[in-house]
Amino acid sequence: LYPSKSTLRTFGFSLSGGVDLDGNGYNDLVVGAFDSDSVIVLRARPVINIQTKHLESDLNVDIDGDSSCTRGAQTW
């Protein structure tokens, strides 16, 4: 059901979230309209999907074998 704009009064009177109502893995938000005996469910979904890949397995840096890196070097 979709309430018409003219009958939706006190929208935002109550908020409830932190529950995945549609089972998609994201918490949805329910907004109540007390005077209209209505609630609106705002379903959450991913907006951006980031995938990463780690290519280097050896993360050791040999500072003794590299002339550009000294033991007394500092980072800021």
PDB file of N, CA and C in Angstrom:
ATOM      1  N   LEU A   1       0.834  -1.189   0.000  1.00  0.00           N
ATOM      2  CA  LEU A   1       0.000   0.000   0.000  1.00  0.00           C
ATOM      3  C   LEU A   1       0.869   1.240   0.000  1.00  0.00           C
ATOM      4  N   TYR A   2       0.454   2.222  -0.738  1.00  0.00           N
ATOM      5  CA  TYR A   2       1.166   3.488  -0.799  1.00  0.00           C
ATOM      6  C   TYR A   2       0.209   4.593  -0.372  1.00  0.00           C
ATOM      7  N   PRO A   3       0.421   5.199   0.799  1.00  0.00           N
ATOM      8  CA  PRO A   3      -0.473   6.286   1.216  1.00  0.00           C
ATOM      9  C   PRO A   3      -0.286   7.494   0.310  1.00  0.00           C
ATOM     10  N   SER A   4      -1.388   8.206   0.074  1.00  0.00           N
ATOM     11  CA  SER A   4      -1.283   9.408  -0.762  1.00  0.00           C
ATOM     12  C   SER A   4      -0.621  10.519   0.037  1.00  0.00           C
ATOM     13  N   LYS A   5      -0.019  11.466  -0.664  1.00  0.00           N
ATOM     14  CA  LYS A   5       0.688  12.558   0.000  1.00  0.00           C
ATOM     15  C   LYS A   5      -0.249  13.402   0.856  1.00  0.00           C
ATOM     16  N   SER A   6      -1.506  13.519   0.450  1.00  0.00           N
ATOM     17  CA  SER A   6      -2.431  14.376   1.199  1.00  0.00           C
ATOM     18  C   SER A   6      -2.853  13.754   2.526  1.00  0.00           C
ATOM     19  N   THR A   7      -2.761  12.430   2.651  1.00  0.00           N
ATOM     20  CA  THR A   7      -3.194  11.786   3.896  1.00  0.00           C
ATOM     21  C   THR A   7      -2.034  11.454   4.832  1.00  0.00           C
ATOM     22  N   LEU A   8      -0.818  11.704   4.418  1.00  0.00           N
ATOM     23  CA  LEU A   8       0.339  11.363   5.234  1.00  0.00           C
ATOM     24  C   LEU A   8       0.674  12.532   6.158  1.00  0.00           C
ATOM     25  N   ARG A   9       0.289  12.401   7.440  1.00  0.00           N
ATOM     26  CA  ARG A   9       0.513  13.474   8.417  1.00  0.00           C
ATOM     27  C   ARG A   9       1.455  12.971   9.509  1.00  0.00           C
ATOM     28  N   THR A  10       2.188  13.855  10.109  1.00  0.00           N
ATOM     29  CA  THR A  10       3.193  13.603  11.161  1.00  0.00           C
ATOM     30  C   THR A  10       4.236  12.585  10.706  1.00  0.00           C
ATOM     31  N   PHE A  11       4.626  12.672   9.446  1.00  0.00           N
ATOM     32  CA  PHE A  11       5.665  11.785   8.917  1.00  0.00           C
ATOM     33  C   PHE A  11       6.963  12.033   9.671  1.00  0.00           C
ATOM     34  N   GLY A  12       7.603  10.978  10.130  1.00  0.00           N
ATOM     35  CA  GLY A  12       8.842  11.100  10.882  1.00  0.00           C
ATOM     36  C   GLY A  12       8.619  11.182  12.377  1.00  0.00           C
ATOM     37  N   PHE A  13       7.393  10.985  12.827  1.00  0.00           N
ATOM     38  CA  PHE A  13       7.077  11.032  14.251  1.00  0.00           C
ATOM     39  C   PHE A  13       7.863   9.969  15.003  1.00  0.00           C
ATOM     40  N   SER A  14       8.069   8.816  14.383  1.00  0.00           N
ATOM     41  CA  SER A  14       8.871   7.767  15.019  1.00  0.00           C
ATOM     42  C   SER A  14       9.745   7.094  13.967  1.00  0.00           C
ATOM     43  N   LEU A  15      10.922   6.669  14.404  1.00  0.00           N
ATOM     44  CA  LEU A  15      11.873   5.987  13.532  1.00  0.00           C
ATOM     45  C   LEU A  15      12.273   4.664  14.168  1.00  0.00           C
ATOM     46  N   SER A  16      12.453   3.657  13.351  1.00  0.00           N
ATOM     47  CA  SER A  16      12.932   2.375  13.838  1.00  0.00           C
ATOM     48  C   SER A  16      13.891   1.810  12.801  1.00  0.00           C
ATOM     49  N   GLY A  17      15.045   1.370  13.252  1.00  0.00           N
ATOM     50  CA  GLY A  17      16.029   0.820  12.320  1.00  0.00           C
ATOM     51  C   GLY A  17      16.818  -0.288  12.967  1.00  0.00           C
ATOM     52  N   GLY A  18      17.825  -0.749  12.273  1.00  0.00           N
ATOM     53  CA  GLY A  18      18.694  -1.788  12.810  1.00  0.00           C
ATOM     54  C   GLY A  18      18.198  -3.194  12.561  1.00  0.00           C
ATOM     55  N   VAL A  19      17.184  -3.356  11.696  1.00  0.00           N
ATOM     56  CA  VAL A  19      16.649  -4.677  11.396  1.00  0.00           C
ATOM     57  C   VAL A  19      16.588  -4.838   9.875  1.00  0.00           C
ATOM     58  N   ASP A  20      17.004  -5.988   9.404  1.00  0.00           N
ATOM     59  CA  ASP A  20      16.937  -6.292   7.975  1.00  0.00           C
ATOM     60  C   ASP A  20      15.570  -6.903   7.679  1.00  0.00           C
ATOM     61  N   LEU A  21      14.643  -6.101   7.203  1.00  0.00           N
ATOM     62  CA  LEU A  21      13.276  -6.570   6.983  1.00  0.00           C
ATOM     63  C   LEU A  21      13.113  -7.383   5.705  1.00  0.00           C
ATOM     64  N   ASP A  22      13.898  -7.086   4.680  1.00  0.00           N
ATOM     65  CA  ASP A  22      13.721  -7.777   3.405  1.00  0.00           C
ATOM     66  C   ASP A  22      14.752  -8.875   3.153  1.00  0.00           C
ATOM     67  N   GLY A  23      15.638  -9.127   4.126  1.00  0.00           N
ATOM     68  CA  GLY A  23      16.574 -10.237   4.031  1.00  0.00           C
ATOM     69  C   GLY A  23      17.708 -10.052   3.042  1.00  0.00           C
ATOM     70  N   ASN A  24      18.042  -8.798   2.689  1.00  0.00           N
ATOM     71  CA  ASN A  24      19.120  -8.575   1.722  1.00  0.00           C
ATOM     72  C   ASN A  24      20.472  -8.304   2.383  1.00  0.00           C
ATOM     73  N   GLY A  25      20.541  -8.369   3.717  1.00  0.00           N
ATOM     74  CA  GLY A  25      21.805  -8.175   4.423  1.00  0.00           C
ATOM     75  C   GLY A  25      22.078  -6.753   4.853  1.00  0.00           C
ATOM     76  N   TYR A  26      21.153  -5.835   4.613  1.00  0.00           N
ATOM     77  CA  TYR A  26      21.323  -4.432   4.993  1.00  0.00           C
ATOM     78  C   TYR A  26      20.152  -4.007   5.879  1.00  0.00           C
ATOM     79  N   ASN A  27      20.461  -3.254   6.944  1.00  0.00           N
ATOM     80  CA  ASN A  27      19.418  -2.822   7.868  1.00  0.00           C
ATOM     81  C   ASN A  27      18.531  -1.767   7.224  1.00  0.00           C
ATOM     82  N   ASP A  28      17.220  -1.975   7.322  1.00  0.00           N
ATOM     83  CA  ASP A  28      16.235  -1.072   6.740  1.00  0.00           C
ATOM     84  C   ASP A  28      15.757  -0.072   7.781  1.00  0.00           C
ATOM     85  N   LEU A  29      15.046   0.960   7.343  1.00  0.00           N
ATOM     86  CA  LEU A  29      14.541   2.004   8.230  1.00  0.00           C
ATOM     87  C   LEU A  29      13.035   2.111   8.059  1.00  0.00           C
ATOM     88  N   VAL A  30      12.315   2.134   9.173  1.00  0.00           N
ATOM     89  CA  VAL A  30      10.869   2.313   9.156  1.00  0.00           C
ATOM     90  C   VAL A  30      10.567   3.675   9.753  1.00  0.00           C
ATOM     91  N   VAL A  31       9.793   4.487   9.023  1.00  0.00           N
ATOM     92  CA  VAL A  31       9.422   5.827   9.470  1.00  0.00           C
ATOM     93  C   VAL A  31       7.915   5.840   9.680  1.00  0.00           C
ATOM     94  N   GLY A  32       7.501   6.259  10.875  1.00  0.00           N
ATOM     95  CA  GLY A  32       6.089   6.276  11.192  1.00  0.00           C
ATOM     96  C   GLY A  32       5.426   7.615  10.922  1.00  0.00           C
ATOM     97  N   ALA A  33       4.141   7.540  10.562  1.00  0.00           N
ATOM     98  CA  ALA A  33       3.298   8.722  10.402  1.00  0.00           C
ATOM     99  C   ALA A  33       2.100   8.509  11.326  1.00  0.00           C
ATOM    100  N   PHE A  34       2.231   8.955  12.552  1.00  0.00           N
ATOM    101  CA  PHE A  34       1.286   8.648  13.624  1.00  0.00           C
ATOM    102  C   PHE A  34      -0.151   9.054  13.291  1.00  0.00           C
ATOM    103  N   ASP A  35      -0.351  10.285  12.859  1.00  0.00           N
ATOM    104  CA  ASP A  35      -1.718  10.761  12.582  1.00  0.00           C
ATOM    105  C   ASP A  35      -2.354  10.090  11.372  1.00  0.00           C
ATOM    106  N   SER A  36      -1.572   9.433  10.570  1.00  0.00           N
ATOM    107  CA  SER A  36      -2.095   8.782   9.368  1.00  0.00           C
ATOM    108  C   SER A  36      -2.220   7.270   9.531  1.00  0.00           C
ATOM    109  N   ASP A  37      -1.861   6.748  10.708  1.00  0.00           N
ATOM    110  CA  ASP A  37      -1.854   5.297  10.930  1.00  0.00           C
ATOM    111  C   ASP A  37      -1.075   4.581   9.830  1.00  0.00           C
ATOM    112  N   SER A  38       0.099   5.114   9.503  1.00  0.00           N
ATOM    113  CA  SER A  38       0.897   4.557   8.414  1.00  0.00           C
ATOM    114  C   SER A  38       2.362   4.468   8.812  1.00  0.00           C
ATOM    115  N   VAL A  39       3.056   3.580   8.160  1.00  0.00           N
ATOM    116  CA  VAL A  39       4.512   3.520   8.252  1.00  0.00           C
ATOM    117  C   VAL A  39       5.059   3.422   6.834  1.00  0.00           C
ATOM    118  N   ILE A  40       6.250   3.942   6.663  1.00  0.00           N
ATOM    119  CA  ILE A  40       6.947   3.852   5.389  1.00  0.00           C
ATOM    120  C   ILE A  40       8.220   3.052   5.640  1.00  0.00           C
ATOM    121  N   VAL A  41       8.465   2.042   4.838  1.00  0.00           N
ATOM    122  CA  VAL A  41       9.672   1.232   4.954  1.00  0.00           C
ATOM    123  C   VAL A  41      10.656   1.702   3.889  1.00  0.00           C
ATOM    124  N   LEU A  42      11.811   2.175   4.344  1.00  0.00           N
ATOM    125  CA  LEU A  42      12.888   2.574   3.440  1.00  0.00           C
ATOM    126  C   LEU A  42      13.888   1.428   3.410  1.00  0.00           C
ATOM    127  N   ARG A  43      13.890   0.701   2.311  1.00  0.00           N
ATOM    128  CA  ARG A  43      14.750  -0.475   2.197  1.00  0.00           C
ATOM    129  C   ARG A  43      16.159  -0.055   1.800  1.00  0.00           C
ATOM    130  N   ALA A  44      17.134  -0.573   2.527  1.00  0.00           N
ATOM    131  CA  ALA A  44      18.538  -0.251   2.248  1.00  0.00           C
ATOM    132  C   ALA A  44      19.093  -1.221   1.214  1.00  0.00           C
ATOM    133  N   ARG A  45      20.029  -0.714   0.422  1.00  0.00           N
ATOM    134  CA  ARG A  45      20.706  -1.542  -0.566  1.00  0.00           C
ATOM    135  C   ARG A  45      22.100  -0.975  -0.778  1.00  0.00           C
ATOM    136  N   PRO A  46      23.007  -1.763  -1.301  1.00  0.00           N
ATOM    137  CA  PRO A  46      24.356  -1.237  -1.537  1.00  0.00           C
ATOM    138  C   PRO A  46      24.338  -0.191  -2.645  1.00  0.00           C
ATOM    139  N   VAL A  47      25.105   0.873  -2.440  1.00  0.00           N
ATOM    140  CA  VAL A  47      25.207   1.928  -3.439  1.00  0.00           C
ATOM    141  C   VAL A  47      26.502   1.777  -4.225  1.00  0.00           C
ATOM    142  N   ILE A  48      27.520   1.280  -3.551  1.00  0.00           N
ATOM    143  CA  ILE A  48      28.817   1.094  -4.194  1.00  0.00           C
ATOM    144  C   ILE A  48      29.386  -0.242  -3.741  1.00  0.00           C
ATOM    145  N   ASN A  49      30.031  -0.924  -4.641  1.00  0.00           N
ATOM    146  CA  ASN A  49      30.640  -2.210  -4.328  1.00  0.00           C
ATOM    147  C   ASN A  49      32.129  -2.101  -4.635  1.00  0.00           C
ATOM    148  N   ILE A  50      32.953  -2.255  -3.618  1.00  0.00           N
ATOM    149  CA  ILE A  50      34.398  -2.143  -3.778  1.00  0.00           C
ATOM    150  C   ILE A  50      35.020  -3.517  -3.591  1.00  0.00           C
ATOM    151  N   GLN A  51      35.809  -3.926  -4.556  1.00  0.00           N
ATOM    152  CA  GLN A  51      36.527  -5.190  -4.453  1.00  0.00           C
ATOM    153  C   GLN A  51      38.017  -4.885  -4.468  1.00  0.00           C
ATOM    154  N   THR A  52      38.740  -5.509  -3.564  1.00  0.00           N
ATOM    155  CA  THR A  52      40.186  -5.304  -3.491  1.00  0.00           C
ATOM    156  C   THR A  52      40.905  -6.618  -3.735  1.00  0.00           C
ATOM    157  N   LYS A  53      42.150  -6.494  -4.136  1.00  0.00           N
ATOM    158  CA  LYS A  53      42.964  -7.672  -4.379  1.00  0.00           C
ATOM    159  C   LYS A  53      44.376  -7.361  -3.921  1.00  0.00           C
ATOM    160  N   HIS A  54      44.927  -8.240  -3.124  1.00  0.00           N
ATOM    161  CA  HIS A  54      46.280  -8.068  -2.605  1.00  0.00           C
ATOM    162  C   HIS A  54      47.220  -8.883  -3.485  1.00  0.00           C
ATOM    163  N   LEU A  55      48.147  -8.209  -4.156  1.00  0.00           N
ATOM    164  CA  LEU A  55      49.017  -8.882  -5.110  1.00  0.00           C
ATOM    165  C   LEU A  55      50.350  -9.324  -4.523  1.00  0.00           C
ATOM    166  N   GLU A  56      50.892  -8.596  -3.578  1.00  0.00           N
ATOM    167  CA  GLU A  56      52.218  -8.877  -3.028  1.00  0.00           C
ATOM    168  C   GLU A  56      52.092  -9.752  -1.794  1.00  0.00           C
ATOM    169  N   SER A  57      52.799 -10.884  -1.802  1.00  0.00           N
ATOM    170  CA  SER A  57      52.732 -11.758  -0.634  1.00  0.00           C
ATOM    171  C   SER A  57      53.914 -11.529   0.312  1.00  0.00           C
ATOM    172  N   ASP A  58      55.049 -11.042  -0.195  1.00  0.00           N
ATOM    173  CA  ASP A  58      56.229 -10.802   0.629  1.00  0.00           C
ATOM    174  C   ASP A  58      56.295  -9.320   0.972  1.00  0.00           C
ATOM    175  N   LEU A  59      55.951  -8.975   2.205  1.00  0.00           N
ATOM    176  CA  LEU A  59      55.915  -7.581   2.614  1.00  0.00           C
ATOM    177  C   LEU A  59      57.164  -7.162   3.374  1.00  0.00           C
ATOM    178  N   ASN A  60      58.193  -7.985   3.393  1.00  0.00           N
ATOM    179  CA  ASN A  60      59.442  -7.641   4.065  1.00  0.00           C
ATOM    180  C   ASN A  60      60.267  -6.722   3.176  1.00  0.00           C
ATOM    181  N   VAL A  61      60.783  -5.655   3.759  1.00  0.00           N
ATOM    182  CA  VAL A  61      61.630  -4.716   3.038  1.00  0.00           C
ATOM    183  C   VAL A  61      63.036  -4.856   3.590  1.00  0.00           C
ATOM    184  N   ASP A  62      63.985  -5.158   2.734  1.00  0.00           N
ATOM    185  CA  ASP A  62      65.376  -5.324   3.138  1.00  0.00           C
ATOM    186  C   ASP A  62      66.052  -3.957   3.119  1.00  0.00           C
ATOM    187  N   ILE A  63      66.166  -3.320   4.297  1.00  0.00           N
ATOM    188  CA  ILE A  63      66.762  -1.981   4.337  1.00  0.00           C
ATOM    189  C   ILE A  63      68.278  -2.039   4.253  1.00  0.00           C
ATOM    190  N   ASP A  64      68.872  -3.192   4.529  1.00  0.00           N
ATOM    191  CA  ASP A  64      70.330  -3.307   4.430  1.00  0.00           C
ATOM    192  C   ASP A  64      70.788  -3.396   2.974  1.00  0.00           C
ATOM    193  N   GLY A  65      69.975  -3.933   2.103  1.00  0.00           N
ATOM    194  CA  GLY A  65      70.368  -4.113   0.713  1.00  0.00           C
ATOM    195  C   GLY A  65      69.963  -2.965  -0.186  1.00  0.00           C
ATOM    196  N   ASP A  66      69.330  -1.935   0.360  1.00  0.00           N
ATOM    197  CA  ASP A  66      68.870  -0.806  -0.448  1.00  0.00           C
ATOM    198  C   ASP A  66      69.594   0.452   0.016  1.00  0.00           C
ATOM    199  N   SER A  67      70.359   1.062  -0.861  1.00  0.00           N
ATOM    200  CA  SER A  67      71.146   2.236  -0.467  1.00  0.00           C
ATOM    201  C   SER A  67      70.284   3.475  -0.237  1.00  0.00           C
ATOM    202  N   SER A  68      69.044   3.473  -0.699  1.00  0.00           N
ATOM    203  CA  SER A  68      68.187   4.647  -0.522  1.00  0.00           C
ATOM    204  C   SER A  68      67.460   4.640   0.825  1.00  0.00           C
ATOM    205  N   CYS A  69      67.631   3.580   1.606  1.00  0.00           N
ATOM    206  CA  CYS A  69      66.938   3.476   2.891  1.00  0.00           C
ATOM    207  C   CYS A  69      67.971   3.186   3.979  1.00  0.00           C
ATOM    208  N   THR A  70      68.046   4.058   4.951  1.00  0.00           N
ATOM    209  CA  THR A  70      69.012   3.865   6.034  1.00  0.00           C
ATOM    210  C   THR A  70      68.299   3.484   7.316  1.00  0.00           C
ATOM    211  N   ARG A  71      69.043   2.880   8.242  1.00  0.00           N
ATOM    212  CA  ARG A  71      68.453   2.477   9.522  1.00  0.00           C
ATOM    213  C   ARG A  71      67.984   3.672  10.340  1.00  0.00           C
ATOM    214  N   GLY A  72      68.589   4.824  10.168  1.00  0.00           N
ATOM    215  CA  GLY A  72      68.204   5.996  10.944  1.00  0.00           C
ATOM    216  C   GLY A  72      67.102   6.813  10.298  1.00  0.00           C
ATOM    217  N   ALA A  73      66.533   6.318   9.207  1.00  0.00           N
ATOM    218  CA  ALA A  73      65.493   7.075   8.504  1.00  0.00           C
ATOM    219  C   ALA A  73      64.254   7.201   9.377  1.00  0.00           C
ATOM    220  N   GLN A  74      63.584   8.332   9.273  1.00  0.00           N
ATOM    221  CA  GLN A  74      62.362   8.577  10.029  1.00  0.00           C
ATOM    222  C   GLN A  74      61.238   8.923   9.064  1.00  0.00           C
ATOM    223  N   THR A  75      60.038   8.583   9.471  1.00  0.00           N
ATOM    224  CA  THR A  75      58.859   8.974   8.691  1.00  0.00           C
ATOM    225  C   THR A  75      58.046   9.954   9.504  1.00  0.00           C
ATOM    226  N   TRP A  76      57.383  10.833   8.847  1.00  0.00           N
ATOM    227  CA  TRP A  76      56.587  11.861   9.530  1.00  0.00           C
ATOM    228  C   TRP A  76      55.143  11.709   9.179  1.00  0.00           C
TER     229      TRP A  76
END
